[in-house]
Amino acid sequence: MGRVAAIVLAAGASSRMGEDKALLEWRGRSFLEHLMAALKVAGAEPLRVALGANAEDVQRRVQFGAGELVINRDWERGMLSSLIAALDSLAPDVDAAVVCLVDHPCVSSRLIRHLVEKHRETGKPIVQPTYQGRRGHPVLFAASLFDELRAAPPEVGARHVVYQHAADILEVPTDEEGIVLNINDKAAYEKVLQIPPPG
């Protein structure tokens, strides 16, 4: 099977947080740096990080490898526009992509590797982790769905494709609560600082 790419969506303005979520510190490094490292250790490559609103600040503070950075000039159109920009940067030999949200950083390389393995074992086009029955992030999408993601309604985004393929989703239970922790404000950030690191 082909390669499984890694995508981190980090283009939003973080208006509710008041500072860029990509740069919030957690366990000695930023959310974005943690996700990038976890994806690389898991063997998901090539890596693409979609930046937008605060791209210049993030680039000053985070080191990116060649080809890893995707600047979404249309970030105000929503998260789907960043996902499309990242997908469009991938070579055709990519078999799937693990899509991470920068405000769901508390996931381990072990979990990411497990999602990739389950996709390769089963061929399921969507692989999604669950914590106590709740679906979370990251989500793996097979390349066969990339065009559907590109055509999804912007106001619904990737969820539209998930809804359309409800019977094709492989749920992978995990004990990592981080998959359902959405860090959008100071209270959520304070909570995540108290939980042990995954994996």
Protein backbone atom coordinates (compact mmCIF):
# COMPACT_ATOMS: atom_id res chain seq x y z
CA MET A 1 0.00 0.00 0.00
CA GLY A 2 1.02 3.61 -0.54
CA ARG A 3 2.13 6.14 1.99
CA VAL A 4 -0.13 7.62 4.64
CA ALA A 5 0.39 11.37 4.81
CA ALA A 6 0.02 13.56 7.89
CA ILE A 7 -1.90 16.84 7.88
CA VAL A 8 -2.11 19.35 10.74
CA LEU A 9 -4.71 22.09 10.40
CA ALA A 10 -3.47 25.19 12.23
CA ALA A 11 -4.69 28.12 10.13
CA GLY A 12 -7.39 29.63 12.34
CA ALA A 13 -7.25 32.95 14.17
CA SER A 14 -7.73 31.42 17.67
CA SER A 15 -10.02 34.35 18.52
CA ARG A 16 -11.68 32.71 21.52
CA MET A 17 -8.33 31.70 23.01
CA GLY A 18 -6.82 35.15 22.53
CA GLU A 19 -3.49 33.71 21.35
CA ASP A 20 -2.50 31.23 18.68
CA LYS A 21 -3.38 27.71 19.82
CA ALA A 22 -0.59 26.29 17.70
CA LEU A 23 1.94 27.99 19.97
CA LEU A 24 0.42 27.16 23.36
CA GLU A 25 2.89 25.23 25.49
CA TRP A 26 2.18 21.68 26.59
CA ARG A 27 4.74 19.34 28.16
CA GLY A 28 7.70 21.50 27.18
CA ARG A 29 6.79 22.30 23.59
CA SER A 30 4.02 23.88 21.59
CA PHE A 31 0.82 22.10 20.56
CA LEU A 32 1.98 22.19 16.95
CA GLU A 33 5.45 20.85 17.72
CA HIS A 34 3.95 18.01 19.76
CA LEU A 35 1.65 16.97 16.91
CA MET A 36 4.40 17.21 14.32
CA ALA A 37 6.69 15.04 16.43
CA ALA A 38 3.97 12.46 17.17
CA LEU A 39 3.13 12.14 13.48
CA LYS A 40 6.77 11.72 12.48
CA VAL A 41 7.43 9.09 15.16
CA ALA A 42 4.31 7.25 13.98
CA GLY A 43 5.77 7.11 10.47
CA ALA A 44 3.04 9.18 8.79
CA GLU A 45 4.63 11.03 5.90
CA PRO A 46 4.84 13.31 4.07
CA LEU A 47 3.84 15.89 6.67
CA ARG A 48 1.87 19.00 5.77
CA VAL A 49 1.05 21.83 8.20
CA ALA A 50 -1.58 24.30 7.02
CA LEU A 51 -1.09 27.80 8.42
CA GLY A 52 -3.11 30.93 7.78
CA ALA A 53 -4.06 33.74 10.14
CA ASN A 54 -0.86 33.80 12.19
CA ALA A 55 1.47 32.16 9.69
CA GLU A 56 4.35 34.59 10.08
CA ASP A 57 4.44 34.34 13.88
CA VAL A 58 4.27 30.54 13.80
CA GLN A 59 7.06 30.34 11.24
CA ARG A 60 9.28 32.46 13.47
CA ARG A 61 8.80 30.09 16.41
CA VAL A 62 8.49 26.63 14.85
CA GLN A 63 11.02 24.94 12.59
CA PHE A 64 9.60 23.30 9.47
CA GLY A 65 11.26 20.91 7.08
CA ALA A 66 11.31 21.31 3.31
CA GLY A 67 7.84 21.05 1.83
CA GLU A 68 6.08 20.69 5.18
CA LEU A 69 4.45 24.12 5.22
CA VAL A 70 1.26 25.00 3.35
CA ILE A 71 0.08 28.62 3.58
CA ASN A 72 -3.68 28.96 3.16
CA ARG A 73 -4.37 32.53 2.06
CA ASP A 74 -8.10 31.74 2.17
CA TRP A 75 -8.11 30.61 5.81
CA GLU A 76 -11.09 32.83 6.59
CA ARG A 77 -13.22 30.54 4.43
CA GLY A 78 -12.94 27.90 7.13
CA MET A 79 -11.12 24.73 8.08
CA LEU A 80 -12.09 22.89 4.92
CA SER A 81 -10.13 25.38 2.82
CA SER A 82 -7.00 24.51 4.80
CA LEU A 83 -7.61 20.80 4.39
CA ILE A 84 -8.03 21.22 0.64
CA ALA A 85 -4.82 23.25 0.41
CA ALA A 86 -2.94 20.48 2.22
CA LEU A 87 -4.50 17.72 0.10
CA ASP A 88 -3.62 19.59 -3.08
CA SER A 89 0.04 19.66 -2.02
CA LEU A 90 0.29 15.86 -1.79
CA ALA A 91 1.70 13.59 -4.48
CA PRO A 92 -0.63 11.05 -6.12
CA ASP A 93 1.13 8.07 -4.52
CA VAL A 94 -0.38 8.90 -1.11
CA ASP A 95 -2.86 6.21 -0.04
CA ALA A 96 -4.48 8.13 2.83
CA ALA A 97 -4.02 11.07 5.17
CA VAL A 98 -4.24 11.37 8.94
CA VAL A 99 -5.86 14.74 9.62
CA CYS A 100 -5.04 16.40 12.96
CA LEU A 101 -6.49 19.58 14.44
CA VAL A 102 -4.01 21.76 16.30
CA ASP A 103 -6.56 22.33 19.09
CA HIS A 104 -6.71 18.55 19.70
CA PRO A 105 -2.99 18.08 20.43
CA CYS A 106 -3.07 15.49 23.22
CA VAL A 107 -2.62 12.35 21.15
CA SER A 108 0.26 9.91 21.03
CA SER A 109 2.35 8.52 18.20
CA ARG A 110 1.16 5.09 19.36
CA LEU A 111 -2.47 6.01 18.64
CA ILE A 112 -1.64 7.51 15.24
CA ARG A 113 0.33 4.41 14.28
CA HIS A 114 -2.60 2.24 15.39
CA LEU A 115 -5.04 4.16 13.17
CA VAL A 116 -2.72 3.72 10.18
CA GLU A 117 -2.32 0.00 10.89
CA LYS A 118 -6.08 -0.49 11.15
CA HIS A 119 -6.59 1.25 7.81
CA ARG A 120 -4.03 -0.98 6.17
CA GLU A 121 -5.48 -4.12 7.77
CA THR A 122 -9.11 -3.42 6.90
CA GLY A 123 -9.05 -1.08 3.91
CA LYS A 124 -11.69 1.05 5.60
CA PRO A 125 -11.75 4.54 4.02
CA ILE A 126 -12.37 6.38 7.31
CA VAL A 127 -10.70 5.42 10.58
CA GLN A 128 -11.61 7.38 13.68
CA PRO A 129 -10.66 6.92 17.35
CA THR A 130 -13.28 6.77 20.08
CA TYR A 131 -13.00 7.52 23.79
CA GLN A 132 -15.77 6.08 25.96
CA GLY A 133 -17.98 5.86 22.88
CA ARG A 134 -17.29 9.42 21.67
CA ARG A 135 -15.59 9.96 18.33
CA GLY A 136 -12.60 12.26 18.24
CA HIS A 137 -9.49 13.34 16.35
CA PRO A 138 -7.32 12.65 14.43
CA VAL A 139 -9.28 11.11 11.56
CA LEU A 140 -7.78 9.06 8.75
CA PHE A 141 -9.26 9.50 5.27
CA ALA A 142 -8.38 7.23 2.34
CA ALA A 143 -7.26 8.92 -0.88
CA SER A 144 -10.44 7.62 -2.54
CA LEU A 145 -12.30 10.27 -0.51
CA PHE A 146 -10.03 13.24 -1.26
CA ASP A 147 -12.21 14.51 -4.12
CA GLU A 148 -15.30 14.24 -1.93
CA LEU A 149 -13.53 16.27 0.73
CA ARG A 150 -12.68 18.91 -1.86
CA ALA A 151 -16.34 19.08 -2.92
CA ALA A 152 -17.85 19.13 0.58
CA PRO A 153 -20.00 22.11 1.64
CA PRO A 154 -17.65 24.61 3.33
CA GLU A 155 -20.03 25.17 6.22
CA VAL A 156 -20.02 21.45 7.06
CA GLY A 157 -16.51 20.54 6.01
CA ALA A 158 -15.05 17.06 6.37
CA ARG A 159 -17.97 16.03 8.56
CA HIS A 160 -20.07 15.94 5.39
CA VAL A 161 -17.93 13.11 4.02
CA VAL A 162 -18.06 11.32 7.38
CA TYR A 163 -21.87 11.53 7.32
CA GLN A 164 -22.01 10.28 3.73
CA HIS A 165 -19.90 7.24 4.60
CA ALA A 166 -21.35 6.34 7.97
CA ALA A 167 -21.33 2.64 7.09
CA ASP A 168 -17.67 2.76 6.04
CA ILE A 169 -16.18 4.13 9.26
CA LEU A 170 -13.91 2.00 11.41
CA GLU A 171 -14.06 3.12 15.03
CA VAL A 172 -10.92 2.42 17.04
CA PRO A 173 -11.40 2.60 20.83
CA THR A 174 -8.63 4.27 22.83
CA ASP A 175 -7.97 5.24 26.43
CA GLU A 176 -6.56 8.60 25.31
CA GLU A 177 -9.01 11.27 26.45
CA GLY A 178 -7.11 13.81 24.38
CA ILE A 179 -8.93 12.76 21.21
CA VAL A 180 -12.10 14.47 22.49
CA LEU A 181 -10.49 17.46 24.22
CA ASN A 182 -11.04 20.55 22.09
CA ILE A 183 -8.88 23.39 23.44
CA ASN A 184 -10.75 26.51 22.38
CA ASP A 185 -10.56 28.71 25.46
CA LYS A 186 -8.54 29.33 28.61
CA ALA A 187 -10.63 26.95 30.75
CA ALA A 188 -10.10 24.07 28.34
CA TYR A 189 -6.39 24.87 28.20
CA GLU A 190 -6.11 24.81 31.98
CA LYS A 191 -7.81 21.41 32.03
CA VAL A 192 -5.47 19.90 29.48
CA LEU A 193 -2.45 21.10 31.45
CA GLN A 194 -3.53 18.82 34.28
CA ILE A 195 -3.82 15.57 32.35
CA PRO A 196 -0.84 13.21 31.96
CA PRO A 197 0.80 13.02 28.55
CA PRO A 198 -0.47 10.18 26.33
CA GLY A 199 1.59 7.16 25.41
